[in-house]
PDB file of all heavy atoms in Angstrom:
ATOM      1  N   ILE A   1      -1.773 -17.909 -41.529  1.00  0.00           N
ATOM      2  CA  ILE A   1      -2.691 -17.573 -40.323  1.00  0.00           C
ATOM      3  C   ILE A   1      -2.328 -16.165 -39.874  1.00  0.00           C
ATOM      4  O   ILE A   1      -3.227 -15.246 -39.641  1.00  0.00           O
ATOM      5  CB  ILE A   1      -2.472 -18.591 -39.132  1.00  0.00           C
ATOM      6  CG1 ILE A   1      -3.065 -19.907 -39.529  1.00  0.00           C
ATOM      7  CG2 ILE A   1      -3.256 -18.117 -37.890  1.00  0.00           C
ATOM      8  CD1 ILE A   1      -2.624 -21.090 -38.616  1.00  0.00           C
ATOM      9  N   SER A   2      -1.034 -15.741 -39.774  1.00  0.00           N
ATOM     10  CA  SER A   2      -0.578 -14.511 -39.455  1.00  0.00           C
ATOM     11  C   SER A   2      -1.119 -13.390 -40.359  1.00  0.00           C
ATOM     12  O   SER A   2      -1.740 -12.341 -39.913  1.00  0.00           O
ATOM     13  CB  SER A   2       0.867 -14.409 -39.447  1.00  0.00           C
ATOM     14  OG  SER A   2       1.314 -13.050 -39.168  1.00  0.00           O
ATOM     15  N   GLU A   3      -1.192 -13.685 -41.652  1.00  0.00           N
ATOM     16  CA  GLU A   3      -1.638 -12.733 -42.645  1.00  0.00           C
ATOM     17  C   GLU A   3      -3.221 -12.726 -42.498  1.00  0.00           C
ATOM     18  O   GLU A   3      -3.797 -11.595 -42.750  1.00  0.00           O
ATOM     19  CB  GLU A   3      -1.222 -13.232 -44.046  1.00  0.00           C
ATOM     20  CG  GLU A   3       0.201 -13.086 -44.331  1.00  0.00           C
ATOM     21  CD  GLU A   3       0.778 -13.813 -45.590  1.00  0.00           C
ATOM     22  OE1 GLU A   3      -0.147 -14.416 -46.267  1.00  0.00           O
ATOM     23  OE2 GLU A   3       1.922 -13.749 -45.795  1.00  0.00           O
ATOM     24  N   LYS A   4      -3.928 -13.857 -42.309  1.00  0.00           N
ATOM     25  CA  LYS A   4      -5.372 -13.754 -42.101  1.00  0.00           C
ATOM     26  C   LYS A   4      -5.707 -12.842 -40.935  1.00  0.00           C
ATOM     27  O   LYS A   4      -6.668 -12.106 -41.028  1.00  0.00           O
ATOM     28  CB  LYS A   4      -5.871 -15.195 -41.856  1.00  0.00           C
ATOM     29  CG  LYS A   4      -7.300 -15.393 -41.537  1.00  0.00           C
ATOM     30  CD  LYS A   4      -7.609 -15.388 -40.022  1.00  0.00           C
ATOM     31  CE  LYS A   4      -9.107 -15.480 -39.764  1.00  0.00           C
ATOM     32  NZ  LYS A   4      -9.475 -14.794 -38.615  1.00  0.00           N
ATOM     33  N   LEU A   5      -4.940 -13.074 -39.802  1.00  0.00           N
ATOM     34  CA  LEU A   5      -5.259 -12.249 -38.623  1.00  0.00           C
ATOM     35  C   LEU A   5      -5.073 -10.789 -38.819  1.00  0.00           C
ATOM     36  O   LEU A   5      -5.949  -9.836 -38.470  1.00  0.00           O
ATOM     37  CB  LEU A   5      -4.450 -12.744 -37.417  1.00  0.00           C
ATOM     38  CG  LEU A   5      -4.710 -14.075 -36.877  1.00  0.00           C
ATOM     39  CD1 LEU A   5      -3.643 -14.510 -36.054  1.00  0.00           C
ATOM     40  CD2 LEU A   5      -6.114 -14.101 -36.098  1.00  0.00           C
ATOM     41  N   SER A   6      -4.071 -10.409 -39.623  1.00  0.00           N
ATOM     42  CA  SER A   6      -3.815  -9.064 -39.932  1.00  0.00           C
ATOM     43  C   SER A   6      -4.977  -8.518 -40.968  1.00  0.00           C
ATOM     44  O   SER A   6      -5.383  -7.397 -40.687  1.00  0.00           O
ATOM     45  CB  SER A   6      -2.473  -8.878 -40.556  1.00  0.00           C
ATOM     46  OG  SER A   6      -2.121  -7.588 -41.013  1.00  0.00           O
ATOM     47  N   ARG A   7      -5.252  -9.295 -41.919  1.00  0.00           N
ATOM     48  CA  ARG A   7      -6.110  -8.862 -42.928  1.00  0.00           C
ATOM     49  C   ARG A   7      -7.508  -8.786 -42.457  1.00  0.00           C
ATOM     50  O   ARG A   7      -8.263  -7.858 -42.683  1.00  0.00           O
ATOM     51  CB  ARG A   7      -6.052  -9.862 -44.133  1.00  0.00           C
ATOM     52  CG  ARG A   7      -6.944  -9.527 -45.259  1.00  0.00           C
ATOM     53  CD  ARG A   7      -6.742 -10.614 -46.429  1.00  0.00           C
ATOM     54  NE  ARG A   7      -7.223 -11.946 -46.003  1.00  0.00           N
ATOM     55  CZ  ARG A   7      -6.396 -12.872 -45.832  1.00  0.00           C
ATOM     56  NH1 ARG A   7      -5.090 -12.776 -45.931  1.00  0.00           N
ATOM     57  NH2 ARG A   7      -6.777 -14.145 -45.553  1.00  0.00           N
ATOM     58  N   GLU A   8      -8.105  -9.791 -41.845  1.00  0.00           N
ATOM     59  CA  GLU A   8      -9.428  -9.891 -41.323  1.00  0.00           C
ATOM     60  C   GLU A   8      -9.711  -9.240 -40.003  1.00  0.00           C
ATOM     61  O   GLU A   8     -10.840  -8.815 -39.729  1.00  0.00           O
ATOM     62  CB  GLU A   8      -9.886 -11.229 -41.287  1.00  0.00           C
ATOM     63  CG  GLU A   8      -9.932 -11.940 -42.780  1.00  0.00           C
ATOM     64  CD  GLU A   8     -10.391 -13.360 -42.796  1.00  0.00           C
ATOM     65  OE1 GLU A   8     -10.775 -13.845 -41.645  1.00  0.00           O
ATOM     66  OE2 GLU A   8     -10.397 -13.986 -43.806  1.00  0.00           O
ATOM     67  N   ASN A   9      -8.686  -9.265 -39.132  1.00  0.00           N
ATOM     68  CA  ASN A   9      -9.014  -8.899 -37.774  1.00  0.00           C
ATOM     69  C   ASN A   9      -8.242  -7.612 -37.263  1.00  0.00           C
ATOM     70  O   ASN A   9      -8.448  -7.257 -36.156  1.00  0.00           O
ATOM     71  CB  ASN A   9      -8.673 -10.104 -36.792  1.00  0.00           C
ATOM     72  CG  ASN A   9      -9.487 -11.363 -37.173  1.00  0.00           C
ATOM     73  OD1 ASN A   9      -8.878 -12.308 -37.631  1.00  0.00           O
ATOM     74  ND2 ASN A   9     -10.804 -11.346 -37.067  1.00  0.00           N
ATOM     75  N   GLY A  10      -7.389  -7.164 -37.987  1.00  0.00           N
ATOM     76  CA  GLY A  10      -6.493  -6.140 -37.632  1.00  0.00           C
ATOM     77  C   GLY A  10      -5.631  -6.405 -36.434  1.00  0.00           C
ATOM     78  O   GLY A  10      -5.313  -5.551 -35.605  1.00  0.00           O
ATOM     79  N   ILE A  11      -5.094  -7.650 -36.409  1.00  0.00           N
ATOM     80  CA  ILE A  11      -4.256  -8.090 -35.214  1.00  0.00           C
ATOM     81  C   ILE A  11      -2.861  -8.437 -35.773  1.00  0.00           C
ATOM     82  O   ILE A  11      -2.818  -9.054 -36.816  1.00  0.00           O
ATOM     83  CB  ILE A  11      -4.876  -9.353 -34.566  1.00  0.00           C
ATOM     84  CG1 ILE A  11      -6.340  -9.071 -34.155  1.00  0.00           C
ATOM     85  CG2 ILE A  11      -4.089  -9.600 -33.233  1.00  0.00           C
ATOM     86  CD1 ILE A  11      -6.985 -10.426 -33.617  1.00  0.00           C
ATOM     87  N   THR A  12      -1.836  -8.008 -35.133  1.00  0.00           N
ATOM     88  CA  THR A  12      -0.577  -8.444 -35.469  1.00  0.00           C
ATOM     89  C   THR A  12       0.131  -9.535 -34.615  1.00  0.00           C
ATOM     90  O   THR A  12       0.197  -9.470 -33.393  1.00  0.00           O
ATOM     91  CB  THR A  12       0.409  -7.182 -35.417  1.00  0.00           C
ATOM     92  OG1 THR A  12      -0.146  -6.170 -36.264  1.00  0.00           O
ATOM     93  CG2 THR A  12       1.868  -7.599 -35.761  1.00  0.00           C
ATOM     94  N   PHE A  13       0.131 -10.702 -35.150  1.00  0.00           N
ATOM     95  CA  PHE A  13       0.908 -11.749 -34.546  1.00  0.00           C
ATOM     96  C   PHE A  13       1.873 -12.414 -35.553  1.00  0.00           C
ATOM     97  O   PHE A  13       1.422 -12.686 -36.643  1.00  0.00           O
ATOM     98  CB  PHE A  13      -0.247 -12.917 -34.196  1.00  0.00           C
ATOM     99  CG  PHE A  13      -0.941 -12.722 -32.878  1.00  0.00           C
ATOM    100  CD1 PHE A  13      -2.298 -12.402 -32.936  1.00  0.00           C
ATOM    101  CD2 PHE A  13      -0.378 -12.858 -31.738  1.00  0.00           C
ATOM    102  CE1 PHE A  13      -3.084 -12.250 -31.719  1.00  0.00           C
ATOM    103  CE2 PHE A  13      -1.080 -12.694 -30.539  1.00  0.00           C
ATOM    104  CZ  PHE A  13      -2.353 -12.385 -30.618  1.00  0.00           C
ATOM    105  N   ALA A  14       3.139 -12.409 -35.146  1.00  0.00           N
ATOM    106  CA  ALA A  14       4.181 -12.915 -35.972  1.00  0.00           C
ATOM    107  C   ALA A  14       3.976 -14.490 -36.170  1.00  0.00           C
ATOM    108  O   ALA A  14       3.359 -15.085 -35.200  1.00  0.00           O
ATOM    109  CB  ALA A  14       5.528 -12.602 -35.273  1.00  0.00           C
ATOM    110  N   PRO A  15       4.376 -15.084 -37.140  1.00  0.00           N
ATOM    111  CA  PRO A  15       4.217 -16.487 -37.303  1.00  0.00           C
ATOM    112  C   PRO A  15       4.859 -17.403 -36.021  1.00  0.00           C
ATOM    113  O   PRO A  15       4.301 -18.323 -35.692  1.00  0.00           O
ATOM    114  CB  PRO A  15       5.072 -16.882 -38.616  1.00  0.00           C
ATOM    115  CG  PRO A  15       4.944 -15.595 -39.282  1.00  0.00           C
ATOM    116  CD  PRO A  15       5.036 -14.562 -38.391  1.00  0.00           C
ATOM    117  N   GLU A  16       5.814 -16.795 -35.475  1.00  0.00           N
ATOM    118  CA  GLU A  16       6.416 -17.438 -34.243  1.00  0.00           C
ATOM    119  C   GLU A  16       5.557 -17.367 -33.072  1.00  0.00           C
ATOM    120  O   GLU A  16       5.737 -18.080 -32.118  1.00  0.00           O
ATOM    121  CB  GLU A  16       7.788 -16.774 -33.937  1.00  0.00           C
ATOM    122  CG  GLU A  16       8.900 -16.966 -35.046  1.00  0.00           C
ATOM    123  CD  GLU A  16       8.709 -16.091 -36.147  1.00  0.00           C
ATOM    124  OE1 GLU A  16       7.921 -15.060 -36.173  1.00  0.00           O
ATOM    125  OE2 GLU A  16       9.346 -16.300 -37.293  1.00  0.00           O
ATOM    126  N   GLN A  17       4.574 -16.535 -33.182  1.00  0.00           N
ATOM    127  CA  GLN A  17       3.529 -16.449 -31.998  1.00  0.00           C
ATOM    128  C   GLN A  17       2.291 -17.384 -32.235  1.00  0.00           C
ATOM    129  O   GLN A  17       1.433 -17.261 -31.487  1.00  0.00           O
ATOM    130  CB  GLN A  17       3.147 -15.067 -31.841  1.00  0.00           C
ATOM    131  CG  GLN A  17       4.190 -14.154 -31.386  1.00  0.00           C
ATOM    132  CD  GLN A  17       3.700 -12.692 -31.252  1.00  0.00           C
ATOM    133  OE1 GLN A  17       3.435 -12.005 -32.248  1.00  0.00           O
ATOM    134  NE2 GLN A  17       3.687 -12.196 -30.073  1.00  0.00           N
ATOM    135  N   ILE A  18       2.299 -18.187 -33.374  1.00  0.00           N
ATOM    136  CA  ILE A  18       1.303 -19.107 -33.682  1.00  0.00           C
ATOM    137  C   ILE A  18       1.714 -20.420 -33.635  1.00  0.00           C
ATOM    138  O   ILE A  18       2.647 -20.897 -33.993  1.00  0.00           O
ATOM    139  CB  ILE A  18       0.793 -18.741 -35.059  1.00  0.00           C
ATOM    140  CG1 ILE A  18       0.146 -17.400 -35.161  1.00  0.00           C
ATOM    141  CG2 ILE A  18      -0.245 -19.777 -35.564  1.00  0.00           C
ATOM    142  CD1 ILE A  18       0.000 -16.787 -36.509  1.00  0.00           C
ATOM    143  N   VAL A  19       0.812 -21.226 -32.881  1.00  0.00           N
ATOM    144  CA  VAL A  19       1.059 -22.707 -32.677  1.00  0.00           C
ATOM    145  C   VAL A  19      -0.118 -23.503 -33.357  1.00  0.00           C
ATOM    146  O   VAL A  19      -1.319 -23.294 -32.771  1.00  0.00           O
ATOM    147  CB  VAL A  19       1.281 -23.098 -31.292  1.00  0.00           C
ATOM    148  CG1 VAL A  19       1.662 -24.632 -31.175  1.00  0.00           C
ATOM    149  CG2 VAL A  19       2.550 -22.370 -30.649  1.00  0.00           C
ATOM    150  N   VAL A  20       0.071 -24.298 -34.325  1.00  0.00           N
ATOM    151  CA  VAL A  20      -1.004 -25.171 -34.845  1.00  0.00           C
ATOM    152  C   VAL A  20      -1.204 -26.349 -34.080  1.00  0.00           C
ATOM    153  O   VAL A  20      -0.352 -27.075 -33.619  1.00  0.00           O
ATOM    154  CB  VAL A  20      -0.637 -25.465 -36.275  1.00  0.00           C
ATOM    155  CG1 VAL A  20      -1.806 -26.310 -36.953  1.00  0.00           C
ATOM    156  CG2 VAL A  20      -0.392 -24.231 -37.055  1.00  0.00           C
ATOM    157  N   GLY A  21      -2.436 -26.600 -33.659  1.00  0.00           N
ATOM    158  CA  GLY A  21      -2.863 -27.789 -32.833  1.00  0.00           C
ATOM    159  C   GLY A  21      -3.852 -28.703 -33.519  1.00  0.00           C
ATOM    160  O   GLY A  21      -4.239 -28.409 -34.619  1.00  0.00           O
ATOM    161  N   ASN A  22      -4.177 -29.806 -32.857  1.00  0.00           N
ATOM    162  CA  ASN A  22      -5.087 -30.806 -33.353  1.00  0.00           C
ATOM    163  C   ASN A  22      -6.594 -30.291 -33.018  1.00  0.00           C
ATOM    164  O   ASN A  22      -7.191 -30.849 -32.268  1.00  0.00           O
ATOM    165  CB  ASN A  22      -4.842 -32.116 -32.654  1.00  0.00           C
ATOM    166  CG  ASN A  22      -3.544 -32.726 -33.196  1.00  0.00           C
ATOM    167  OD1 ASN A  22      -3.514 -33.246 -34.148  1.00  0.00           O
ATOM    168  ND2 ASN A  22      -2.597 -32.604 -32.213  1.00  0.00           N
ATOM    169  N   GLY A  23      -6.950 -29.280 -33.833  1.00  0.00           N
ATOM    170  CA  GLY A  23      -8.235 -28.679 -33.557  1.00  0.00           C
ATOM    171  C   GLY A  23      -8.197 -27.513 -32.613  1.00  0.00           C
ATOM    172  O   GLY A  23      -7.224 -27.401 -31.778  1.00  0.00           O
ATOM    173  N   ALA A  24      -9.159 -26.645 -32.655  1.00  0.00           N
ATOM    174  CA  ALA A  24      -9.198 -25.509 -31.725  1.00  0.00           C
ATOM    175  C   ALA A  24      -9.309 -25.969 -30.335  1.00  0.00           C
ATOM    176  O   ALA A  24      -8.840 -25.390 -29.325  1.00  0.00           O
ATOM    177  CB  ALA A  24     -10.359 -24.589 -32.140  1.00  0.00           C
ATOM    178  N   LYS A  25      -9.936 -27.163 -30.147  1.00  0.00           N
ATOM    179  CA  LYS A  25     -10.127 -27.713 -28.757  1.00  0.00           C
ATOM    180  C   LYS A  25      -8.805 -27.997 -28.112  1.00  0.00           C
ATOM    181  O   LYS A  25      -8.574 -27.655 -27.026  1.00  0.00           O
ATOM    182  CB  LYS A  25     -11.002 -28.969 -28.851  1.00  0.00           C
ATOM    183  CG  LYS A  25     -11.363 -29.536 -27.544  1.00  0.00           C
ATOM    184  CD  LYS A  25     -12.341 -30.698 -27.795  1.00  0.00           C
ATOM    185  CE  LYS A  25     -13.081 -31.187 -26.437  1.00  0.00           C
ATOM    186  NZ  LYS A  25     -13.982 -32.201 -26.805  1.00  0.00           N
ATOM    187  N   HIS A  26      -7.926 -28.619 -28.836  1.00  0.00           N
ATOM    188  CA  HIS A  26      -6.553 -28.959 -28.479  1.00  0.00           C
ATOM    189  C   HIS A  26      -5.749 -27.565 -28.231  1.00  0.00           C
ATOM    190  O   HIS A  26      -5.071 -27.541 -27.183  1.00  0.00           O
ATOM    191  CB  HIS A  26      -5.878 -29.780 -29.485  1.00  0.00           C
ATOM    192  CG  HIS A  26      -4.502 -30.196 -29.161  1.00  0.00           C
ATOM    193  ND1 HIS A  26      -3.429 -30.118 -30.009  1.00  0.00           N
ATOM    194  CD2 HIS A  26      -3.909 -30.611 -28.008  1.00  0.00           C
ATOM    195  CE1 HIS A  26      -2.379 -30.565 -29.455  1.00  0.00           C
ATOM    196  NE2 HIS A  26      -2.615 -30.792 -28.208  1.00  0.00           N
ATOM    197  N   SER A  27      -5.832 -26.746 -29.096  1.00  0.00           N
ATOM    198  CA  SER A  27      -5.151 -25.424 -28.890  1.00  0.00           C
ATOM    199  C   SER A  27      -5.640 -24.667 -27.639  1.00  0.00           C
ATOM    200  O   SER A  27      -4.721 -24.216 -26.910  1.00  0.00           O
ATOM    201  CB  SER A  27      -5.325 -24.514 -30.154  1.00  0.00           C
ATOM    202  OG  SER A  27      -4.832 -25.131 -31.224  1.00  0.00           O
ATOM    203  N   LEU A  28      -6.896 -24.728 -27.385  1.00  0.00           N
ATOM    204  CA  LEU A  28      -7.488 -24.102 -26.150  1.00  0.00           C
ATOM    205  C   LEU A  28      -6.948 -24.835 -24.921  1.00  0.00           C
ATOM    206  O   LEU A  28      -6.513 -24.186 -23.977  1.00  0.00           O
ATOM    207  CB  LEU A  28      -8.964 -24.096 -26.208  1.00  0.00           C
ATOM    208  CG  LEU A  28      -9.644 -23.569 -24.911  1.00  0.00           C
ATOM    209  CD1 LEU A  28      -9.350 -22.129 -24.699  1.00  0.00           C
ATOM    210  CD2 LEU A  28     -11.148 -23.839 -25.110  1.00  0.00           C
ATOM    211  N   CYS A  29      -6.958 -26.033 -24.925  1.00  0.00           N
ATOM    212  CA  CYS A  29      -6.539 -26.853 -23.739  1.00  0.00           C
ATOM    213  C   CYS A  29      -5.018 -26.686 -23.509  1.00  0.00           C
ATOM    214  O   CYS A  29      -4.493 -26.488 -22.534  1.00  0.00           O
ATOM    215  CB  CYS A  29      -6.730 -28.314 -23.946  1.00  0.00           C
ATOM    216  SG  CYS A  29      -6.536 -29.307 -22.474  1.00  0.00           S
ATOM    217  N   ASN A  30      -4.274 -26.565 -24.610  1.00  0.00           N
ATOM    218  CA  ASN A  30      -2.856 -26.138 -24.516  1.00  0.00           C
ATOM    219  C   ASN A  30      -2.604 -24.902 -23.829  1.00  0.00           C
ATOM    220  O   ASN A  30      -1.687 -24.792 -22.923  1.00  0.00           O
ATOM    221  CB  ASN A  30      -2.223 -26.186 -25.788  1.00  0.00           C
ATOM    222  CG  ASN A  30      -1.745 -27.507 -26.398  1.00  0.00           C
ATOM    223  OD1 ASN A  30      -1.639 -28.477 -25.670  1.00  0.00           O
ATOM    224  ND2 ASN A  30      -1.388 -27.543 -27.722  1.00  0.00           N
ATOM    225  N   VAL A  31      -3.362 -23.832 -24.164  1.00  0.00           N
ATOM    226  CA  VAL A  31      -3.111 -22.575 -23.618  1.00  0.00           C
ATOM    227  C   VAL A  31      -3.513 -22.589 -22.051  1.00  0.00           C
ATOM    228  O   VAL A  31      -2.785 -21.990 -21.282  1.00  0.00           O
ATOM    229  CB  VAL A  31      -3.991 -21.479 -24.349  1.00  0.00           C
ATOM    230  CG1 VAL A  31      -4.049 -20.229 -23.501  1.00  0.00           C
ATOM    231  CG2 VAL A  31      -3.465 -21.228 -25.715  1.00  0.00           C
TER     232      VAL A  31
END
């Protein structure tokens, strides 16, 4: 995911800054 964000979006997020959730809905609610 980190590599995808860098490659496609020009964003730098380390793997430690990424949390995988039970769907984007769950991830949004978590945030």
